[in-house]
Amino acid sequence: MDLYGGHAVISIGHSHPYYVQKISSQLSQLGFYSNSVKISLQHELAEKLGELSGHNNYHLFLCNSGAEANENALKLASFHNGRKKIIAFNQSFHGRTSLAVACTNDTSIQAPVNENSNIVFLPLNDEAALRGHLTTDVCAVIIEGIQGVGGVQIPTTSFLLTLRQLCTETGAVLILDEIQSGYGRSGHFFAHQYAGIQADLITVAKGMGNGFPVAGVLISPMFKAKHGLLGTTFGGNYLACAAAIAVLDVIKNENLIANAATIGNYLIEELSKLPNIREVRGMGLMIGIELNQACAPVRNTLLQQHKIFTGSSSNKNTLRVLPPLNITKAQADVFIEALSTTLQNQPA
């Protein structure tokens, strides 16, 4: 049982029949496609994504990976206000980009990382630090809807509201990295929607294609399209669009966002009752289980003895659970029982 899904890539389950059929259909027609058909698929994807996410008035730029989405978002922000300074947060992760060094266990880092860096790392949920650094020279602030690699840390509603207000006041662009936490995983389409804020740019990938490489940037109406602002080689190809459309169809038709909220709440509640657990953090089906010990032996036992695959984080004690959104209560119970047994049998 896969409860990690390749860093939340598998959003609708392995080999979902509808998904397989959509991909197979596109493969059988590849030799007959024209550019107009590709554009039609891109428009269908954009319309369905806008409808399901509640962002009908945003434009969609398609690319191939989360790193590419974030780099294009940062570039677009810089073109927009002509600035260079970026604010990110300790223990964040934004792909193999210029911001990759932000993922660290050293919560004392408040940057700049070095004297020549335009990147400032701040503690998550520290409003005083945010107010002190978010000034009119900042190009953009990039923040994850829920930190994944950093151990499933959630920005508070108060912090996100303050962040939105300060970005508006200073002219900084607010980029929400929903690459891992988006696409229904949190019980909302985007994790930041629980706070009721609007982002200027939203980056998506991972669960967007259920394993097929596809990513995108949702672009708010404040940006005006100009030639040369963005670019990609393979973005928006036929198969990528077919995969992404299939995922949205399944999420909508099978009510998987509601399922993520229901099963996620159940898992968090039940896991919190188990022994040898320090804290359970998360929202929906993005869950971090902080143990009183290193999680590597626990993960190994779950895999070898119970055939259950889970993930880890930059915090060696935090086990990460990111199952497909169509996980059932019965499957959740299998995991709860297996983890309970494992924790009880682990040496102190």
Protein backbone atom coordinates (compact mmCIF):
# COMPACT_ATOMS: atom_id res chain seq x y z
CA MET A 1 0.00 0.00 0.00
CA ASP A 2 1.56 3.25 -1.18
CA LEU A 3 1.00 6.03 1.37
CA TYR A 4 3.59 8.37 -0.09
CA GLY A 5 2.91 8.41 -3.82
CA GLY A 6 6.24 9.81 -4.97
CA HIS A 7 6.14 13.03 -2.92
CA ALA A 8 2.35 13.39 -3.44
CA VAL A 9 2.58 12.75 -7.19
CA ILE A 10 -0.01 9.95 -7.21
CA SER A 11 -3.18 11.90 -6.53
CA ILE A 12 -5.87 9.57 -7.93
CA GLY A 13 -4.25 6.19 -7.34
CA HIS A 14 -2.02 3.93 -9.42
CA SER A 15 -3.46 2.90 -12.81
CA HIS A 16 -6.88 4.51 -12.36
CA PRO A 17 -8.95 3.10 -15.29
CA TYR A 18 -10.21 6.49 -16.49
CA TYR A 19 -6.70 7.94 -16.37
CA VAL A 20 -5.24 4.99 -18.28
CA GLN A 21 -7.96 5.26 -20.92
CA LYS A 22 -7.37 8.99 -21.47
CA ILE A 23 -3.62 8.53 -21.87
CA SER A 24 -4.08 5.52 -24.17
CA SER A 25 -6.53 7.44 -26.33
CA GLN A 26 -4.06 10.27 -26.84
CA LEU A 27 -1.21 7.85 -27.63
CA SER A 28 -3.25 6.21 -30.38
CA GLN A 29 -3.83 9.56 -32.08
CA LEU A 30 -0.41 11.20 -31.77
CA GLY A 31 0.46 10.88 -35.44
CA PHE A 32 -2.70 12.72 -36.51
CA TYR A 33 -2.51 15.78 -34.26
CA SER A 34 -2.29 19.37 -35.39
CA ASN A 35 -1.30 22.38 -33.33
CA SER A 36 -4.95 23.42 -33.11
CA VAL A 37 -5.79 20.16 -31.31
CA LYS A 38 -3.00 20.76 -28.80
CA ILE A 39 -4.28 24.27 -28.14
CA SER A 40 -7.80 22.88 -27.67
CA LEU A 41 -6.50 20.46 -25.02
CA GLN A 42 -4.64 23.27 -23.27
CA HIS A 43 -7.80 25.38 -23.16
CA GLU A 44 -9.83 22.46 -21.80
CA LEU A 45 -7.26 21.92 -19.07
CA ALA A 46 -7.17 25.62 -18.17
CA GLU A 47 -10.97 25.86 -18.00
CA LYS A 48 -11.36 22.75 -15.84
CA LEU A 49 -8.55 23.79 -13.52
CA GLY A 50 -9.99 27.27 -13.16
CA GLU A 51 -13.45 25.92 -12.38
CA LEU A 52 -12.39 23.28 -9.85
CA SER A 53 -9.87 25.51 -8.07
CA GLY A 54 -12.07 28.61 -7.99
CA HIS A 55 -9.59 30.62 -10.08
CA ASN A 56 -11.52 31.13 -13.30
CA ASN A 57 -10.00 34.56 -13.87
CA TYR A 58 -6.38 33.36 -13.67
CA HIS A 59 -4.32 32.49 -16.74
CA LEU A 60 -2.45 29.17 -16.90
CA PHE A 61 1.13 28.76 -18.09
CA LEU A 62 2.08 25.12 -18.64
CA CYS A 63 5.55 23.68 -18.11
CA ASN A 64 7.12 20.39 -17.03
CA SER A 65 8.18 20.35 -13.38
CA GLY A 66 7.75 22.12 -10.07
CA ALA A 67 11.24 23.61 -10.29
CA GLU A 68 10.44 25.05 -13.73
CA ALA A 69 7.13 26.42 -12.45
CA ASN A 70 8.80 28.17 -9.51
CA GLU A 71 11.63 29.61 -11.61
CA ASN A 72 9.11 31.00 -14.10
CA ALA A 73 7.03 32.46 -11.26
CA LEU A 74 10.09 34.21 -9.81
CA LYS A 75 11.04 35.51 -13.25
CA LEU A 76 7.52 36.79 -13.88
CA ALA A 77 7.49 38.55 -10.51
CA SER A 78 10.80 40.26 -11.28
CA PHE A 79 9.58 41.40 -14.70
CA HIS A 80 6.46 42.78 -13.01
CA ASN A 81 8.08 45.08 -10.44
CA GLY A 82 11.70 45.24 -11.56
CA ARG A 83 13.05 44.02 -8.21
CA LYS A 84 15.36 41.15 -7.27
CA LYS A 85 15.07 40.43 -3.55
CA ILE A 86 13.17 37.24 -2.62
CA ILE A 87 11.81 36.19 0.79
CA ALA A 88 11.43 32.47 1.51
CA PHE A 89 11.08 30.55 4.77
CA ASN A 90 13.22 28.24 6.86
CA GLN A 91 12.76 24.54 6.10
CA SER A 92 10.91 25.30 2.90
CA PHE A 93 11.57 23.45 -0.33
CA HIS A 94 10.93 24.86 -3.80
CA GLY A 95 12.55 22.24 -6.01
CA ARG A 96 16.04 22.19 -7.47
CA THR A 97 16.02 25.94 -7.93
CA SER A 98 17.97 28.93 -6.63
CA LEU A 99 15.86 28.55 -3.48
CA ALA A 100 16.78 24.92 -2.78
CA VAL A 101 19.17 25.87 0.02
CA ALA A 102 16.21 27.08 2.07
CA CYS A 103 15.44 23.55 3.18
CA THR A 104 17.36 23.25 6.42
CA ASN A 105 16.86 22.12 9.97
CA ASP A 106 18.64 25.20 11.26
CA THR A 107 15.67 27.34 12.32
CA SER A 108 18.03 30.14 13.41
CA ILE A 109 18.82 31.12 9.82
CA GLN A 110 17.30 34.49 9.08
CA ALA A 111 19.52 35.34 6.07
CA PRO A 112 20.64 36.67 3.77
CA VAL A 113 22.52 33.41 3.42
CA ASN A 114 25.55 35.35 2.27
CA GLU A 115 26.34 38.98 1.66
CA ASN A 116 25.76 38.75 -2.09
CA SER A 117 22.48 36.85 -1.90
CA ASN A 118 19.15 38.36 -2.91
CA ILE A 119 17.35 35.63 -0.95
CA VAL A 120 16.25 36.12 2.65
CA PHE A 121 15.05 33.16 4.74
CA LEU A 122 12.71 33.93 7.62
CA PRO A 123 11.15 31.76 10.34
CA LEU A 124 7.71 30.51 9.35
CA ASN A 125 4.82 32.16 11.24
CA ASP A 126 7.07 34.89 12.70
CA GLU A 127 5.08 38.05 11.91
CA ALA A 128 7.62 40.36 13.54
CA ALA A 129 10.42 39.05 11.31
CA LEU A 130 8.15 39.32 8.28
CA ARG A 131 7.29 42.95 9.03
CA GLY A 132 10.96 43.74 9.53
CA HIS A 133 12.08 42.34 6.17
CA LEU A 134 9.11 42.77 3.81
CA THR A 135 9.80 46.27 2.53
CA THR A 136 9.43 48.05 -0.80
CA ASP A 137 12.66 46.55 -2.18
CA VAL A 138 11.28 42.99 -2.09
CA CYS A 139 10.37 41.44 -5.44
CA ALA A 140 8.40 38.45 -4.17
CA VAL A 141 7.60 36.25 -1.21
CA ILE A 142 7.33 32.53 -1.93
CA ILE A 143 5.67 30.26 0.60
CA GLU A 144 4.35 26.69 0.55
CA GLY A 145 0.68 26.15 1.32
CA ILE A 146 1.97 23.47 3.69
CA GLN A 147 5.67 22.75 4.07
CA GLY A 148 6.33 19.21 2.91
CA VAL A 149 10.04 18.38 3.06
CA GLY A 150 10.31 20.63 6.11
CA GLY A 151 8.17 18.25 8.18
CA VAL A 152 4.55 19.27 7.38
CA GLN A 153 4.51 22.72 8.94
CA ILE A 154 1.40 24.84 8.30
CA PRO A 155 1.36 28.64 7.96
CA THR A 156 -1.18 30.07 10.38
CA THR A 157 -4.20 31.98 9.11
CA SER A 158 -2.96 35.10 10.89
CA PHE A 159 0.45 34.81 9.23
CA LEU A 160 -1.00 34.38 5.74
CA LEU A 161 -3.38 37.31 6.21
CA THR A 162 -0.49 39.52 7.35
CA LEU A 163 1.64 38.30 4.46
CA ARG A 164 -1.08 39.11 1.94
CA GLN A 165 -1.57 42.58 3.41
CA LEU A 166 2.16 43.42 3.45
CA CYS A 167 2.68 42.19 -0.12
CA THR A 168 -0.16 44.43 -1.28
CA GLU A 169 1.19 47.43 0.62
CA THR A 170 4.79 47.03 -0.60
CA GLY A 171 4.08 45.90 -4.15
CA ALA A 172 5.78 42.53 -3.59
CA VAL A 173 4.38 39.56 -5.49
CA LEU A 174 2.90 36.77 -3.37
CA ILE A 175 3.78 33.34 -4.78
CA LEU A 176 2.03 30.32 -3.29
CA ASP A 177 3.97 27.14 -3.92
CA GLU A 178 1.20 24.52 -4.01
CA ILE A 179 3.32 21.97 -5.84
CA GLN A 180 2.98 19.37 -3.10
CA SER A 181 0.09 20.75 -1.04
CA GLY A 182 -2.26 21.58 -3.91
CA TYR A 183 -4.70 19.63 -6.06
CA GLY A 184 -7.09 18.74 -3.25
CA ARG A 185 -4.53 17.20 -0.92
CA SER A 186 -5.34 19.48 2.01
CA GLY A 187 -9.12 19.12 1.78
CA HIS A 188 -9.16 22.38 -0.18
CA PHE A 189 -8.07 22.58 -3.79
CA PHE A 190 -5.16 24.74 -2.63
CA ALA A 191 -3.96 24.56 0.95
CA HIS A 192 -3.78 28.35 1.37
CA GLN A 193 -7.50 28.66 0.65
CA TYR A 194 -8.29 27.81 4.27
CA ALA A 195 -7.05 31.31 5.13
CA GLY A 196 -9.27 33.01 2.56
CA ILE A 197 -6.44 34.83 0.74
CA GLN A 198 -5.73 35.31 -2.96
CA ALA A 199 -2.22 34.70 -4.25
CA ASP A 200 -0.72 36.60 -7.18
CA LEU A 201 0.96 33.50 -8.60
CA ILE A 202 0.30 29.84 -7.75
CA THR A 203 2.67 27.07 -8.81
CA VAL A 204 1.43 23.51 -9.32
CA ALA A 205 2.97 20.16 -10.35
CA LYS A 206 3.26 16.71 -8.64
CA GLY A 207 -0.38 15.56 -8.26
CA MET A 208 -1.36 17.53 -11.37
CA GLY A 209 -0.47 14.65 -13.71
CA ASN A 210 -0.66 11.60 -11.42
CA GLY A 211 2.86 10.60 -12.46
CA PHE A 212 3.04 12.22 -15.89
CA PRO A 213 5.46 15.21 -15.97
CA VAL A 214 3.35 18.34 -16.06
CA ALA A 215 3.35 21.58 -14.10
CA GLY A 216 1.98 25.08 -14.31
CA VAL A 217 1.76 28.61 -13.01
CA LEU A 218 -1.65 30.17 -12.31
CA ILE A 219 -1.29 33.86 -13.05
CA SER A 220 -3.61 36.47 -11.57
CA PRO A 221 -5.16 39.24 -13.71
CA MET A 222 -2.68 41.81 -12.30
CA PHE A 223 -0.11 40.50 -14.81
CA LYS A 224 -0.34 41.57 -18.43
CA ALA A 225 0.90 39.12 -21.04
CA LYS A 226 3.93 40.23 -23.06
CA HIS A 227 6.13 38.38 -25.52
CA GLY A 228 9.16 36.80 -23.88
CA LEU A 229 7.97 36.84 -20.27
CA LEU A 230 7.76 33.05 -19.99
CA GLY A 231 9.10 30.09 -21.89
CA THR A 232 9.13 26.29 -22.00
CA THR A 233 10.16 23.60 -24.45
CA PHE A 234 7.81 20.70 -23.74
CA GLY A 235 5.13 22.39 -21.63
CA GLY A 236 1.52 21.80 -22.58
CA ASN A 237 2.16 18.79 -24.84
CA TYR A 238 -0.68 16.45 -25.81
CA LEU A 239 -0.04 13.70 -23.29
CA ALA A 240 0.63 16.09 -20.41
CA CYS A 241 -2.68 17.84 -21.04
CA ALA A 242 -4.54 14.52 -21.33
CA ALA A 243 -3.07 13.34 -18.02
CA ALA A 244 -3.90 16.60 -16.24
CA ILE A 245 -7.46 16.69 -17.63
CA ALA A 246 -8.02 13.10 -16.50
CA VAL A 247 -6.85 13.93 -12.97
CA LEU A 248 -9.24 16.89 -12.71
CA ASP A 249 -12.13 14.81 -14.04
CA VAL A 250 -11.52 12.07 -11.46
CA ILE A 251 -11.08 14.52 -8.59
CA LYS A 252 -14.38 16.19 -9.49
CA ASN A 253 -16.44 13.11 -10.35
CA GLU A 254 -15.31 11.07 -7.33
CA ASN A 255 -15.46 13.98 -4.85
CA LEU A 256 -11.85 13.40 -3.86
CA ILE A 257 -11.31 16.79 -2.21
CA ALA A 258 -14.07 16.00 0.26
CA ASN A 259 -12.62 12.52 0.71
CA ALA A 260 -9.20 13.99 1.46
CA ALA A 261 -10.73 16.15 4.18
CA THR A 262 -12.79 13.33 5.70
CA ILE A 263 -10.16 10.58 5.69
CA GLY A 264 -7.42 13.06 6.56
CA ASN A 265 -9.26 14.28 9.65
CA TYR A 266 -9.92 10.68 10.65
CA LEU A 267 -6.27 9.72 10.26
CA ILE A 268 -5.01 12.74 12.24
CA GLU A 269 -7.46 12.05 15.06
CA GLU A 270 -6.71 8.33 15.30
CA LEU A 271 -2.95 8.65 14.85
CA SER A 272 -2.84 11.17 17.69
CA LYS A 273 -4.02 8.44 20.05
CA LEU A 274 -1.10 6.09 19.36
CA PRO A 275 1.83 5.61 21.75
CA ASN A 276 5.33 7.04 21.19
CA ILE A 277 4.07 9.89 19.02
CA ARG A 278 5.08 13.42 19.94
CA GLU A 279 2.79 15.27 17.53
CA VAL A 280 0.63 14.73 14.46
CA ARG A 281 0.56 17.72 12.10
CA GLY A 282 -1.26 18.18 8.88
CA MET A 283 -4.32 19.01 6.90
CA GLY A 284 -6.30 16.59 4.77
CA LEU A 285 -4.03 13.91 3.35
CA MET A 286 -0.77 15.77 3.95
CA ILE A 287 0.27 14.46 7.35
CA GLY A 288 3.47 14.56 9.39
CA ILE A 289 3.81 12.14 12.30
CA GLU A 290 6.58 13.27 14.64
CA LEU A 291 7.83 10.31 16.66
CA ASN A 292 9.82 10.15 19.86
CA GLN A 293 12.56 8.44 17.85
CA ALA A 294 14.07 8.42 14.38
CA CYS A 295 11.45 7.34 11.86
CA ALA A 296 13.78 5.31 9.59
CA PRO A 297 13.43 2.02 11.55
CA VAL A 298 9.67 2.52 11.75
CA ARG A 299 9.40 3.13 8.02
CA ASN A 300 11.51 0.06 7.34
CA THR A 301 9.31 -2.14 9.52
CA LEU A 302 6.14 -0.81 7.92
CA LEU A 303 7.55 -1.63 4.50
CA GLN A 304 9.16 -4.99 5.20
CA GLN A 305 6.58 -6.50 7.57
CA HIS A 306 3.34 -4.72 6.59
CA LYS A 307 4.03 -3.82 2.93
CA ILE A 308 3.17 -0.16 3.56
CA PHE A 309 5.33 2.56 2.02
CA THR A 310 5.64 5.91 3.80
CA GLY A 311 7.91 8.95 3.53
CA SER A 312 10.24 11.01 5.65
CA SER A 313 11.24 14.67 5.94
CA SER A 314 14.23 16.84 6.77
CA ASN A 315 13.36 16.20 10.42
CA LYS A 316 14.63 12.64 10.99
CA ASN A 317 11.85 11.96 13.53
CA THR A 318 8.97 12.94 11.24
CA LEU A 319 7.26 10.27 9.17
CA ARG A 320 5.36 11.72 6.23
CA VAL A 321 2.06 10.34 4.88
CA LEU A 322 0.81 11.50 1.47
CA PRO A 323 -1.60 8.83 0.18
CA PRO A 324 -3.67 9.08 -2.99
CA LEU A 325 -6.80 11.17 -2.51
CA ASN A 326 -9.04 8.15 -3.08
CA ILE A 327 -7.79 6.24 -0.03
CA THR A 328 -10.64 4.57 1.85
CA LYS A 329 -11.35 4.42 5.57
CA ALA A 330 -10.65 0.68 5.50
CA GLN A 331 -7.21 1.31 4.01
CA ALA A 332 -6.57 4.05 6.57
CA ASP A 333 -7.42 1.57 9.33
CA VAL A 334 -4.89 -0.93 7.96
CA PHE A 335 -2.19 1.75 8.28
CA ILE A 336 -3.27 2.83 11.76
CA GLU A 337 -3.15 -0.76 13.01
CA ALA A 338 0.20 -1.43 11.37
CA LEU A 339 1.77 1.73 12.79
CA SER A 340 0.36 1.02 16.25
CA THR A 341 1.84 -2.48 16.21
CA THR A 342 5.17 -1.21 14.92
CA LEU A 343 5.49 1.53 17.53
CA GLN A 344 4.63 -0.83 20.36
CA ASN A 345 7.32 -3.29 19.22
CA GLN A 346 10.07 -0.73 18.56
CA PRO A 347 12.90 -0.65 21.14
CA ALA A 348 12.95 2.49 23.29
